[in-house]
Protein backbone atom coordinates (compact mmCIF):
# COMPACT_ATOMS: atom_id res chain seq x y z
CA MET A 1 -17.13 5.56 25.47
CA VAL A 2 -13.31 4.94 25.13
CA VAL A 3 -11.04 7.76 23.54
CA LEU A 4 -7.46 7.33 22.64
CA VAL A 5 -5.31 10.51 22.27
CA ARG A 6 -2.13 10.50 20.85
CA PRO A 7 0.13 12.72 18.28
CA LEU A 8 -0.52 12.03 14.80
CA ALA A 9 2.31 9.86 13.44
CA LEU A 10 2.88 10.25 9.54
CA PRO A 11 5.85 8.76 7.69
CA ALA A 12 8.69 10.69 8.09
CA ALA A 13 9.34 13.38 5.46
CA ASP A 14 12.28 12.01 3.79
CA LEU A 15 10.36 8.70 2.98
CA TYR A 16 8.64 10.52 0.21
CA GLU A 17 11.74 11.18 -1.39
CA SER A 18 13.74 8.00 -0.88
CA GLY A 19 10.87 5.41 -0.59
CA CYS A 20 10.38 3.12 2.31
CA LEU A 21 11.39 -0.21 3.01
CA ALA A 22 8.70 -2.79 3.03
CA VAL A 23 8.93 -6.60 3.90
CA SER A 24 6.41 -9.32 3.41
CA VAL A 25 4.35 -10.71 6.45
CA PRO A 26 1.67 -13.51 6.29
CA VAL A 27 -1.85 -12.60 6.77
CA MET A 28 -3.05 -13.28 10.09
CA GLN A 29 -6.64 -13.40 9.68
CA VAL A 30 -9.14 -16.14 8.43
CA PRO A 31 -9.43 -15.71 5.00
CA ASP A 32 -12.99 -15.66 4.60
CA SER A 33 -13.57 -13.84 7.84
CA PRO A 34 -16.10 -10.98 7.18
CA LEU A 35 -14.21 -8.78 9.51
CA ARG A 36 -11.74 -8.16 6.95
CA ARG A 37 -14.01 -5.88 5.17
CA ILE A 38 -15.24 -3.95 8.05
CA LYS A 39 -13.49 -1.09 9.09
CA SER A 40 -13.44 -1.49 13.06
CA LEU A 41 -11.16 -0.58 16.25
CA ASN A 42 -9.92 -4.42 15.94
CA PHE A 43 -6.51 -3.82 14.31
CA LEU A 44 -4.62 -6.33 16.53
CA ASP A 45 -3.47 -8.24 13.14
CA LYS A 46 -2.60 -5.15 11.33
CA LEU A 47 -0.34 -4.16 14.23
CA LEU A 48 1.28 -7.43 15.01
CA ALA A 49 2.07 -7.28 11.25
CA GLN A 50 3.62 -3.88 11.46
CA ARG A 51 5.56 -4.81 14.45
CA ALA A 52 7.07 -7.45 12.57
CA ALA A 53 8.11 -5.22 9.80
CA GLU A 54 9.81 -3.14 12.46
CA ARG A 55 11.54 -5.96 13.92
CA ARG A 56 12.97 -6.76 10.43
CA ASP A 57 14.41 -2.83 10.33
CA ALA A 58 11.38 -2.06 7.72
CA HIS A 59 9.06 0.79 7.62
CA GLU A 60 5.77 -1.08 6.13
CA ALA A 61 4.45 -4.51 6.29
CA ILE A 62 2.92 -5.82 3.15
CA LEU A 63 0.36 -8.85 3.75
CA VAL A 64 0.48 -11.79 1.85
CA GLU A 65 -2.08 -14.82 1.72
CA ALA A 66 -0.99 -18.20 1.92
CA ASP A 67 -0.98 -18.55 -1.96
CA GLY A 68 1.49 -16.05 -2.24
CA CYS A 69 -0.52 -13.05 -3.28
CA VAL A 70 -0.62 -9.67 -1.88
CA VAL A 71 -3.46 -8.35 -0.20
CA GLU A 72 -2.60 -4.84 1.22
CA ALA A 73 -0.20 -3.16 3.76
CA ALA A 74 -0.37 -3.22 7.46
CA MET A 75 -2.67 -0.23 7.38
CA ARG A 76 -2.43 0.97 3.54
CA ASN A 77 -3.49 -0.29 0.07
CA VAL A 78 -0.72 -1.41 -2.33
CA PHE A 79 -0.30 -0.38 -5.94
CA ALA A 80 2.59 -1.45 -8.26
CA VAL A 81 3.54 -0.30 -11.53
CA PHE A 82 4.68 -2.80 -14.62
CA GLU A 83 5.69 -0.99 -17.77
CA GLY A 84 3.51 1.82 -17.21
CA GLU A 85 0.39 -0.10 -16.18
CA LEU A 86 -0.86 0.48 -12.53
CA VAL A 87 -1.87 -2.85 -10.82
CA THR A 88 -3.59 -2.89 -7.34
CA PRO A 89 -5.01 -6.32 -5.73
CA PRO A 90 -8.71 -6.81 -6.07
CA LEU A 91 -11.11 -6.16 -3.52
CA ALA A 92 -12.22 -9.85 -3.92
CA ARG A 93 -8.84 -10.44 -1.87
CA GLY A 94 -10.93 -9.82 1.29
CA PHE A 95 -9.56 -5.88 2.47
CA LEU A 96 -11.02 -2.56 3.10
CA SER A 97 -10.94 -0.48 0.02
CA GLY A 98 -9.66 2.77 1.10
CA ILE A 99 -10.79 6.28 -0.04
CA THR A 100 -7.40 7.11 -1.29
CA ARG A 101 -7.21 3.92 -3.39
CA GLU A 102 -10.53 4.81 -4.93
CA THR A 103 -9.12 8.20 -5.50
CA VAL A 104 -6.02 6.89 -7.34
CA LEU A 105 -8.06 4.45 -9.47
CA GLU A 106 -10.15 7.76 -10.67
CA LEU A 107 -7.10 9.62 -11.01
CA ALA A 108 -5.47 7.05 -13.46
CA ALA A 109 -8.28 6.81 -15.41
CA ASP A 110 -8.32 10.63 -15.60
CA LEU A 111 -4.72 10.59 -16.63
CA ALA A 112 -5.39 7.79 -19.39
CA LEU A 113 -3.05 5.64 -17.46
CA PRO A 114 -3.40 1.86 -17.88
CA HIS A 115 -4.63 0.28 -14.61
CA ARG A 116 -6.34 -2.81 -13.31
CA GLU A 117 -7.23 -4.84 -10.39
CA ARG A 118 -5.76 -8.13 -10.62
CA ASP A 119 -4.09 -10.89 -8.26
CA LEU A 120 -0.25 -9.60 -7.66
CA ALA A 121 2.00 -12.36 -6.49
CA LEU A 122 4.62 -11.29 -4.18
CA THR A 123 7.40 -12.78 -6.44
CA GLU A 124 6.07 -10.43 -9.18
CA LEU A 125 5.87 -7.55 -7.01
CA TYR A 126 9.48 -8.08 -6.38
CA LEU A 127 10.02 -7.26 -10.23
CA ALA A 128 7.89 -4.20 -10.24
CA ASP A 129 9.36 -0.87 -11.68
CA GLU A 130 7.54 1.18 -8.89
CA CYS A 131 5.32 0.50 -5.87
CA PHE A 132 3.49 2.69 -3.40
CA LEU A 133 1.21 2.65 -0.44
CA THR A 134 -2.03 4.77 -0.01
CA SER A 135 -3.82 5.96 3.05
CA SER A 136 -5.81 9.16 3.50
CA LEU A 137 -3.27 10.12 6.22
CA ALA A 138 0.08 9.21 4.46
CA GLU A 139 -1.42 9.92 0.75
CA LEU A 140 0.89 8.04 -1.67
CA LEU A 141 4.01 6.72 0.11
CA PRO A 142 6.58 5.28 -2.30
CA VAL A 143 8.38 1.94 -1.88
CA ARG A 144 12.15 1.69 -2.19
CA SER A 145 12.41 -2.01 -1.60
CA VAL A 146 10.05 -5.37 -0.65
CA ASP A 147 12.09 -7.80 1.26
CA GLY A 148 15.31 -6.41 0.19
CA ASN A 149 14.50 -6.44 -3.71
CA GLU A 150 14.69 -2.69 -5.18
CA MET A 151 12.26 -1.52 -7.59
CA ARG A 152 13.61 -1.00 -11.07
CA ALA A 153 12.64 2.75 -10.76
CA SER A 154 14.24 5.01 -8.14
CA ALA A 155 11.60 5.70 -5.74
CA PRO A 156 9.51 7.84 -6.31
CA GLY A 157 9.07 6.56 -9.68
CA PRO A 158 7.59 8.60 -12.43
CA VAL A 159 3.86 7.50 -12.07
CA THR A 160 4.17 7.53 -8.52
CA ARG A 161 5.15 11.33 -9.13
CA GLU A 162 2.45 11.83 -11.60
CA LEU A 163 -0.12 10.44 -9.27
CA THR A 164 1.12 12.17 -6.20
CA LYS A 165 1.04 15.49 -7.95
CA ALA A 166 -2.71 14.92 -9.26
CA TYR A 167 -3.83 13.46 -5.71
CA ARG A 168 -2.64 16.72 -3.97
CA ALA A 169 -4.09 18.70 -6.62
CA ARG A 170 -7.56 16.93 -6.12
CA ALA A 171 -7.15 17.07 -2.46
CA VAL A 172 -6.93 20.82 -2.20
CA LEU A 173 -10.27 21.05 -3.72
């Protein structure tokens, strides 16, 4: 048995108010690898992507397939908002669906917020009104810009704020 112990490293508190900076990084796994959908201790590809983002003075890496479509962030799921509609890449893109991702989709339904899973081109993400990343530890982390392209709404945008409020209310239960 191997146990690694280190302090919990959450995003800085100010990133929830101003949004994080994200950059695109190519997916570093074989597209049809069954390992993409398995939660394991093999995070090397994700760690390399995150290091690439940090070298570019960004907080987060957005993983992009060779066809130009967004898959996920290095350790988080990706959401974008376009004219009030919430969009997230489909599970068919080959990533691990997170508990927080599923909860956000449930909350969107509860709030009657239009939402769908569909392919999301990186170039389309550049034009999003809002973008946020989800994970169990970071919850909903707003994104201010991707590859230097600012979101149309100031981070966090109104949809991100509404979903964050609903998420935190549910998480307390």
